[in-house]
């Protein structure tokens, strides 16, 4: 008699009634024989190209494959790309993502740029630029004190 070993859905794939299916863009699976794919965490994404590259890959689409949004972009869970802070702005290259960070154990804090922003409230003007009355980031010119 021949011993038959059942097929197991790999990491990055999930089980359906039709068999194993690769997790789509924006989602991942960290378990063998998973029945669902989970959305990438906030501030991360897994692109359509990433999902296409996973074709036939055994351990594709793990949570580690969800990439941090770059400087100047934000995301919600389960997306296939991050949204640019400067989208629909006159000078998109002048936008970044920033947060207030404590310096050491003291009371001092400063604004720092960071990857993996989870909402648009982290969007602001990049160093060397400031926000004008219309909410646009404009470059600092000589004689203007910019952060």
N, C-alpha and C. Protein backbone atom coordinates (compact mmCIF):
# COMPACT_ATOMS: atom_id res chain seq x y z
N UNK A 1 0.84 -1.18 0.00
CA UNK A 1 0.00 0.00 0.00
C UNK A 1 0.88 1.24 0.00
N UNK A 2 0.42 2.28 -0.67
CA UNK A 2 1.16 3.53 -0.80
C UNK A 2 0.59 4.52 0.20
N UNK A 3 1.48 5.14 0.98
CA UNK A 3 1.08 6.15 1.95
C UNK A 3 0.99 7.49 1.23
N UNK A 4 -0.18 8.10 1.26
CA UNK A 4 -0.39 9.38 0.59
C UNK A 4 -0.24 10.49 1.62
N UNK A 5 0.60 11.47 1.33
CA UNK A 5 0.76 12.63 2.20
C UNK A 5 -0.09 13.75 1.63
N UNK A 6 -0.96 14.34 2.46
CA UNK A 6 -1.81 15.42 1.95
C UNK A 6 -0.97 16.67 1.65
N UNK A 7 -1.40 17.43 0.67
CA UNK A 7 -0.74 18.69 0.35
C UNK A 7 -1.07 19.70 1.44
N UNK A 8 -0.12 20.55 1.76
CA UNK A 8 -0.30 21.57 2.79
C UNK A 8 -0.08 22.94 2.15
N UNK A 9 -0.97 23.88 2.44
CA UNK A 9 -0.79 25.24 1.93
C UNK A 9 0.39 25.87 2.66
N UNK A 10 1.31 26.44 1.89
CA UNK A 10 2.52 27.06 2.43
C UNK A 10 2.23 28.39 3.08
N UNK A 11 3.25 28.94 3.75
CA UNK A 11 3.16 30.29 4.27
C UNK A 11 2.89 31.23 3.11
N UNK A 12 2.01 32.20 3.31
CA UNK A 12 1.67 33.14 2.25
C UNK A 12 0.55 32.67 1.34
N UNK A 13 0.02 31.49 1.62
CA UNK A 13 -1.10 30.93 0.87
C UNK A 13 -2.20 30.59 1.86
N UNK A 14 -3.43 30.42 1.38
CA UNK A 14 -4.53 30.01 2.25
C UNK A 14 -5.37 28.96 1.56
N UNK A 15 -6.07 28.17 2.36
CA UNK A 15 -6.86 27.04 1.88
C UNK A 15 -8.27 27.50 1.53
N UNK A 16 -8.73 27.10 0.34
CA UNK A 16 -10.12 27.28 -0.06
C UNK A 16 -10.65 25.91 -0.46
N UNK A 17 -11.91 25.84 -0.79
CA UNK A 17 -12.47 24.55 -1.22
C UNK A 17 -11.83 24.09 -2.53
N UNK A 18 -11.26 25.03 -3.29
CA UNK A 18 -10.62 24.68 -4.56
C UNK A 18 -9.13 24.34 -4.40
N UNK A 19 -8.59 24.53 -3.21
CA UNK A 19 -7.16 24.25 -2.99
C UNK A 19 -6.45 25.43 -2.37
N UNK A 20 -5.15 25.52 -2.57
CA UNK A 20 -4.34 26.60 -2.01
C UNK A 20 -4.34 27.81 -2.94
N UNK A 21 -4.53 28.99 -2.36
CA UNK A 21 -4.56 30.24 -3.11
C UNK A 21 -3.57 31.21 -2.48
N UNK A 22 -2.79 31.87 -3.32
CA UNK A 22 -1.81 32.84 -2.84
C UNK A 22 -2.51 34.05 -2.23
N UNK A 23 -1.98 34.59 -1.14
CA UNK A 23 -2.55 35.80 -0.54
C UNK A 23 -2.42 36.96 -1.53
N UNK A 24 -3.47 37.77 -1.65
CA UNK A 24 -3.44 38.89 -2.59
C UNK A 24 -2.60 40.06 -2.06
N UNK A 25 -2.38 41.05 -2.91
CA UNK A 25 -1.65 42.26 -2.52
C UNK A 25 -2.31 42.86 -1.28
N UNK A 26 -1.48 43.36 -0.36
CA UNK A 26 -1.99 43.99 0.86
C UNK A 26 -2.27 43.02 1.98
N UNK A 27 -2.09 41.71 1.74
CA UNK A 27 -2.40 40.70 2.77
C UNK A 27 -1.28 39.69 2.89
N UNK A 28 -1.29 38.94 4.00
CA UNK A 28 -0.24 37.95 4.26
C UNK A 28 -0.82 36.80 5.09
N UNK A 29 -0.05 35.72 5.18
CA UNK A 29 -0.39 34.59 6.04
C UNK A 29 0.91 34.04 6.63
N UNK A 30 0.98 33.92 7.95
CA UNK A 30 2.18 33.42 8.63
C UNK A 30 2.05 31.96 9.06
N UNK A 31 0.95 31.32 8.70
CA UNK A 31 0.72 29.94 9.16
C UNK A 31 0.58 28.98 7.99
N UNK A 32 1.08 27.78 8.17
CA UNK A 32 0.81 26.73 7.21
C UNK A 32 -0.67 26.38 7.28
N UNK A 33 -1.25 26.06 6.16
CA UNK A 33 -2.64 25.59 6.11
C UNK A 33 -3.62 26.63 6.66
N UNK A 34 -3.30 27.92 6.50
CA UNK A 34 -4.18 28.99 6.94
C UNK A 34 -5.46 28.99 6.11
N UNK A 35 -6.55 29.45 6.68
CA UNK A 35 -7.80 29.56 5.93
C UNK A 35 -8.13 31.01 5.58
N UNK A 36 -7.31 31.95 6.04
CA UNK A 36 -7.49 33.37 5.73
C UNK A 36 -6.13 34.04 5.55
N UNK A 37 -6.15 35.16 4.85
CA UNK A 37 -4.99 36.04 4.79
C UNK A 37 -5.34 37.28 5.60
N UNK A 38 -4.38 37.82 6.29
CA UNK A 38 -4.59 38.98 7.15
C UNK A 38 -4.09 40.24 6.46
N UNK A 39 -4.74 41.40 6.74
CA UNK A 39 -4.25 42.65 6.15
C UNK A 39 -2.88 43.01 6.71
N UNK A 40 -2.03 43.58 5.89
CA UNK A 40 -0.75 44.10 6.39
C UNK A 40 -1.07 45.14 7.48
N UNK A 41 -0.23 45.22 8.50
CA UNK A 41 -0.48 46.17 9.59
C UNK A 41 -0.48 47.63 9.11
N UNK A 42 -1.09 48.52 9.90
CA UNK A 42 -1.08 49.94 9.54
C UNK A 42 0.34 50.44 9.31
N UNK A 43 0.50 51.32 8.33
CA UNK A 43 1.80 51.89 8.02
C UNK A 43 2.66 51.01 7.14
N UNK A 44 2.09 49.88 6.67
CA UNK A 44 2.82 48.97 5.80
C UNK A 44 1.95 48.63 4.59
N UNK A 45 2.59 48.03 3.61
CA UNK A 45 1.86 47.62 2.40
C UNK A 45 2.54 46.39 1.81
N UNK A 46 1.85 45.71 0.97
CA UNK A 46 2.41 44.63 0.16
C UNK A 46 1.83 44.81 -1.23
N UNK A 47 2.67 45.21 -2.16
CA UNK A 47 2.21 45.65 -3.47
C UNK A 47 1.74 44.54 -4.39
N UNK A 48 1.09 44.95 -5.44
CA UNK A 48 0.60 44.02 -6.46
C UNK A 48 1.80 43.30 -7.09
N UNK A 49 2.86 44.02 -7.36
CA UNK A 49 4.06 43.41 -7.95
C UNK A 49 4.63 42.36 -7.00
N UNK A 50 4.62 42.65 -5.68
CA UNK A 50 5.09 41.67 -4.71
C UNK A 50 4.26 40.40 -4.79
N UNK A 51 2.96 40.56 -4.92
CA UNK A 51 2.07 39.39 -5.00
C UNK A 51 2.34 38.60 -6.27
N UNK A 52 2.59 39.31 -7.38
CA UNK A 52 2.88 38.61 -8.64
C UNK A 52 4.21 37.87 -8.56
N UNK A 53 5.20 38.47 -7.88
CA UNK A 53 6.52 37.84 -7.73
C UNK A 53 6.45 36.59 -6.87
N UNK A 54 5.41 36.48 -6.04
CA UNK A 54 5.27 35.34 -5.13
C UNK A 54 4.79 34.09 -5.84
N UNK A 55 4.39 34.19 -7.09
CA UNK A 55 3.85 33.04 -7.83
C UNK A 55 4.77 31.83 -7.67
N UNK A 56 4.25 30.81 -7.10
CA UNK A 56 5.01 29.58 -6.92
C UNK A 56 5.96 29.61 -5.74
N UNK A 57 6.09 30.74 -5.07
CA UNK A 57 7.01 30.83 -3.92
C UNK A 57 6.42 30.15 -2.71
N UNK A 58 7.20 29.33 -2.04
CA UNK A 58 6.70 28.58 -0.91
C UNK A 58 6.40 29.41 0.31
N UNK A 59 7.28 30.36 0.65
CA UNK A 59 7.04 31.11 1.87
C UNK A 59 6.74 32.57 1.57
N UNK A 60 5.99 32.81 0.53
CA UNK A 60 5.64 34.16 0.11
C UNK A 60 4.56 34.73 1.01
N UNK A 61 4.50 36.06 1.03
CA UNK A 61 3.43 36.80 1.69
C UNK A 61 3.34 36.55 3.19
N UNK A 62 4.49 36.57 3.85
CA UNK A 62 4.50 36.54 5.31
C UNK A 62 4.37 37.97 5.80
N UNK A 63 4.09 38.17 7.08
CA UNK A 63 3.96 39.52 7.60
C UNK A 63 5.26 40.31 7.38
N UNK A 64 6.40 39.63 7.43
CA UNK A 64 7.68 40.28 7.18
C UNK A 64 7.74 40.89 5.78
N UNK A 65 6.90 40.41 4.87
CA UNK A 65 6.90 40.92 3.50
C UNK A 65 6.08 42.20 3.36
N UNK A 66 5.37 42.59 4.41
CA UNK A 66 4.65 43.86 4.41
C UNK A 66 5.70 44.94 4.68
N UNK A 67 5.88 45.85 3.74
CA UNK A 67 6.94 46.86 3.81
C UNK A 67 6.43 48.16 4.42
N UNK A 68 7.32 48.83 5.17
CA UNK A 68 6.97 50.14 5.74
C UNK A 68 6.74 51.15 4.63
N UNK A 69 5.73 52.00 4.83
CA UNK A 69 5.52 53.11 3.91
C UNK A 69 6.75 54.01 3.96
N UNK A 70 7.13 54.56 2.83
CA UNK A 70 8.31 55.42 2.76
C UNK A 70 8.04 56.79 3.38
N UNK A 71 9.11 57.56 3.56
CA UNK A 71 8.95 58.93 4.03
C UNK A 71 7.98 59.66 3.12
N UNK A 72 7.09 60.41 3.70
CA UNK A 72 6.16 61.19 2.90
C UNK A 72 4.95 60.43 2.41
N UNK A 73 4.70 59.23 2.97
CA UNK A 73 3.50 58.48 2.56
C UNK A 73 2.90 57.77 3.77
N UNK A 74 1.62 57.49 3.69
CA UNK A 74 0.87 56.85 4.78
C UNK A 74 0.06 55.69 4.22
N UNK A 75 -0.49 54.88 5.12
CA UNK A 75 -1.28 53.74 4.69
C UNK A 75 -2.28 53.33 5.75
N UNK A 76 -3.28 52.64 5.32
CA UNK A 76 -4.24 51.97 6.19
C UNK A 76 -4.00 50.48 6.06
N UNK A 77 -4.49 49.65 7.00
CA UNK A 77 -4.24 48.21 6.92
C UNK A 77 -4.75 47.59 5.62
N UNK A 78 -3.97 46.63 5.10
CA UNK A 78 -4.41 45.82 3.97
C UNK A 78 -4.31 46.46 2.61
N UNK A 79 -3.50 47.48 2.45
CA UNK A 79 -3.40 48.16 1.17
C UNK A 79 -2.25 47.60 0.33
N UNK A 80 -2.33 47.83 -0.97
CA UNK A 80 -1.29 47.36 -1.87
C UNK A 80 -0.29 48.46 -2.21
N UNK A 81 -0.52 49.67 -1.72
CA UNK A 81 0.43 50.77 -1.90
C UNK A 81 0.17 51.81 -0.82
N UNK A 82 1.11 52.71 -0.64
CA UNK A 82 0.96 53.79 0.33
C UNK A 82 0.54 55.05 -0.42
N UNK A 83 -0.12 55.94 0.27
CA UNK A 83 -0.62 57.17 -0.32
C UNK A 83 0.35 58.32 -0.01
N UNK A 84 0.75 59.06 -1.01
CA UNK A 84 1.70 60.16 -0.85
C UNK A 84 1.05 61.33 -0.11
N UNK A 85 1.78 61.87 0.88
CA UNK A 85 1.30 63.06 1.58
C UNK A 85 1.13 64.24 0.62
N UNK A 86 1.98 64.30 -0.39
CA UNK A 86 1.96 65.42 -1.32
C UNK A 86 1.06 65.22 -2.53
N UNK A 87 0.28 64.13 -2.52
CA UNK A 87 -0.64 63.90 -3.64
C UNK A 87 -1.60 65.08 -3.76
N UNK A 88 -1.82 65.53 -4.96
CA UNK A 88 -2.74 66.63 -5.25
C UNK A 88 -2.21 67.98 -4.72
N UNK A 89 -0.92 68.06 -4.44
CA UNK A 89 -0.31 69.31 -3.98
C UNK A 89 0.57 69.86 -5.09
N UNK A 90 0.85 71.16 -5.04
CA UNK A 90 1.68 71.79 -6.08
C UNK A 90 3.12 71.28 -6.05
N UNK A 91 3.69 71.02 -4.87
CA UNK A 91 5.08 70.59 -4.74
C UNK A 91 5.13 69.32 -3.88
N UNK A 92 4.73 68.16 -4.43
CA UNK A 92 4.67 66.93 -3.63
C UNK A 92 6.01 66.54 -3.01
N UNK A 93 7.12 66.93 -3.64
CA UNK A 93 8.44 66.56 -3.13
C UNK A 93 8.78 67.28 -1.82
N UNK A 94 8.02 68.30 -1.45
CA UNK A 94 8.30 69.05 -0.22
C UNK A 94 7.57 68.48 1.00
N UNK A 95 6.85 67.39 0.82
CA UNK A 95 6.10 66.78 1.92
C UNK A 95 6.85 65.58 2.50
N UNK A 96 6.67 65.34 3.79
CA UNK A 96 7.27 64.20 4.47
C UNK A 96 6.35 63.74 5.58
N UNK A 97 6.76 62.72 6.31
CA UNK A 97 6.03 62.26 7.49
C UNK A 97 6.90 62.54 8.71
N UNK A 98 6.29 63.13 9.74
CA UNK A 98 7.02 63.53 10.94
C UNK A 98 6.24 63.19 12.19
N UNK A 99 6.99 62.99 13.29
CA UNK A 99 6.37 62.79 14.60
C UNK A 99 7.24 63.45 15.65
N UNK A 100 6.63 63.77 16.77
CA UNK A 100 7.35 64.37 17.88
C UNK A 100 8.06 63.26 18.65
N UNK A 101 9.36 63.42 18.86
CA UNK A 101 10.14 62.38 19.51
C UNK A 101 10.90 62.97 20.68
N UNK A 102 10.91 62.25 21.81
CA UNK A 102 11.65 62.68 23.00
C UNK A 102 13.13 62.46 22.77
N UNK A 103 13.95 63.38 23.21
CA UNK A 103 15.40 63.27 23.11
C UNK A 103 15.94 62.76 24.44
N UNK A 104 16.37 61.52 24.48
CA UNK A 104 16.91 60.94 25.71
C UNK A 104 15.86 60.86 26.80
N UNK A 105 16.30 61.03 28.04
CA UNK A 105 15.38 60.94 29.18
C UNK A 105 14.88 62.29 29.62
N UNK A 106 15.37 63.35 28.96
CA UNK A 106 14.97 64.71 29.34
C UNK A 106 13.61 65.08 28.81
N UNK A 107 13.26 66.31 29.05
CA UNK A 107 11.96 66.83 28.61
C UNK A 107 11.99 67.36 27.18
N UNK A 108 13.18 67.43 26.59
CA UNK A 108 13.29 67.98 25.24
C UNK A 108 12.69 67.03 24.20
N UNK A 109 12.06 67.60 23.23
CA UNK A 109 11.53 66.80 22.13
C UNK A 109 11.74 67.56 20.84
N UNK A 110 11.73 66.84 19.73
CA UNK A 110 11.87 67.47 18.42
C UNK A 110 11.08 66.68 17.40
N UNK A 111 10.79 67.31 16.28
CA UNK A 111 10.12 66.64 15.18
C UNK A 111 11.14 65.85 14.38
N UNK A 112 10.85 64.59 14.13
CA UNK A 112 11.73 63.74 13.34
C UNK A 112 10.93 63.09 12.21
N UNK A 113 11.60 62.85 11.09
CA UNK A 113 10.95 62.16 9.97
C UNK A 113 10.94 60.66 10.27
N UNK A 114 9.92 59.93 9.80
CA UNK A 114 9.85 58.50 10.05
C UNK A 114 9.10 57.75 8.96
N UNK A 115 9.41 56.47 8.85
CA UNK A 115 8.76 55.55 7.92
C UNK A 115 7.55 54.92 8.59
N UNK A 116 6.61 54.44 7.82
CA UNK A 116 5.50 53.65 8.37
C UNK A 116 4.38 54.46 8.99
N UNK A 117 4.14 55.66 8.50
CA UNK A 117 3.05 56.48 9.04
C UNK A 117 1.71 55.81 8.78
N UNK A 118 0.81 55.93 9.74
CA UNK A 118 -0.48 55.25 9.64
C UNK A 118 -1.65 56.18 9.30
N UNK A 119 -1.43 57.49 9.32
CA UNK A 119 -2.51 58.39 8.92
C UNK A 119 -1.93 59.73 8.47
N UNK A 120 -2.78 60.51 7.84
CA UNK A 120 -2.34 61.76 7.23
C UNK A 120 -1.97 62.83 8.25
N UNK A 121 -2.30 62.66 9.51
CA UNK A 121 -1.91 63.64 10.52
C UNK A 121 -0.39 63.68 10.68
N UNK A 122 0.32 62.65 10.22
CA UNK A 122 1.78 62.62 10.28
C UNK A 122 2.41 63.40 9.12
N UNK A 123 1.60 63.82 8.16
CA UNK A 123 2.13 64.53 7.00
C UNK A 123 2.45 65.98 7.36
N UNK A 124 3.56 66.46 6.86
CA UNK A 124 3.96 67.84 7.07
C UNK A 124 5.03 68.23 6.06
N UNK A 125 5.47 69.46 6.17
CA UNK A 125 6.50 69.96 5.27
C UNK A 125 7.85 69.41 5.66
N UNK A 126 8.63 69.04 4.67
CA UNK A 126 9.98 68.53 4.88
C UNK A 126 10.87 69.66 5.40
N UNK A 127 11.99 69.31 6.05
CA UNK A 127 12.93 70.34 6.47
C UNK A 127 13.33 71.22 5.28
N UNK A 128 13.38 72.53 5.53
CA UNK A 128 13.69 73.46 4.45
C UNK A 128 12.46 73.99 3.75
N UNK A 129 11.28 73.61 4.25
CA UNK A 129 10.02 74.09 3.68
C UNK A 129 9.07 74.44 4.83
N UNK A 130 8.04 75.23 4.53
CA UNK A 130 7.04 75.58 5.53
C UNK A 130 5.67 75.57 4.88
N UNK A 131 4.64 75.52 5.72
CA UNK A 131 3.27 75.48 5.22
C UNK A 131 2.74 76.91 5.09
N UNK A 132 2.25 77.25 3.91
CA UNK A 132 1.70 78.59 3.71
C UNK A 132 0.23 78.62 4.12
N UNK A 133 -0.41 79.75 3.97
CA UNK A 133 -1.80 79.93 4.39
C UNK A 133 -2.76 79.00 3.64
N UNK A 134 -2.37 78.56 2.44
CA UNK A 134 -3.23 77.69 1.64
C UNK A 134 -3.01 76.21 1.97
N UNK A 135 -2.10 75.91 2.92
CA UNK A 135 -1.84 74.52 3.29
C UNK A 135 -0.88 73.83 2.33
N UNK A 136 -0.14 74.60 1.56
CA UNK A 136 0.85 74.06 0.64
C UNK A 136 2.24 74.19 1.28
N UNK A 137 3.10 73.22 1.03
CA UNK A 137 4.48 73.33 1.47
C UNK A 137 5.25 74.12 0.42
N UNK A 138 5.96 75.14 0.88
CA UNK A 138 6.76 75.96 -0.02
C UNK A 138 8.18 76.02 0.52
N UNK A 139 9.17 76.10 -0.38
CA UNK A 139 10.55 76.13 0.08
C UNK A 139 10.86 77.41 0.85
N UNK A 140 11.71 77.30 1.83
CA UNK A 140 12.16 78.48 2.57
C UNK A 140 13.06 79.32 1.67
N UNK A 141 12.90 80.57 1.75
CA UNK A 141 13.77 81.44 0.97
C UNK A 141 14.69 82.19 1.92
N UNK A 142 15.64 82.85 1.38
CA UNK A 142 16.62 83.57 2.20
C UNK A 142 15.89 84.56 3.11
N UNK A 143 16.29 84.57 4.36
CA UNK A 143 15.69 85.48 5.34
C UNK A 143 14.51 84.90 6.08
N UNK A 144 14.06 83.70 5.70
CA UNK A 144 12.94 83.05 6.41
C UNK A 144 13.52 81.95 7.30
N UNK A 145 13.16 81.97 8.57
CA UNK A 145 13.65 80.97 9.52
C UNK A 145 12.74 79.75 9.46
N UNK A 146 13.26 78.67 8.86
CA UNK A 146 12.49 77.43 8.72
C UNK A 146 13.07 76.35 9.62
N UNK A 147 12.22 75.44 10.08
CA UNK A 147 12.73 74.35 10.91
C UNK A 147 13.60 73.38 10.11
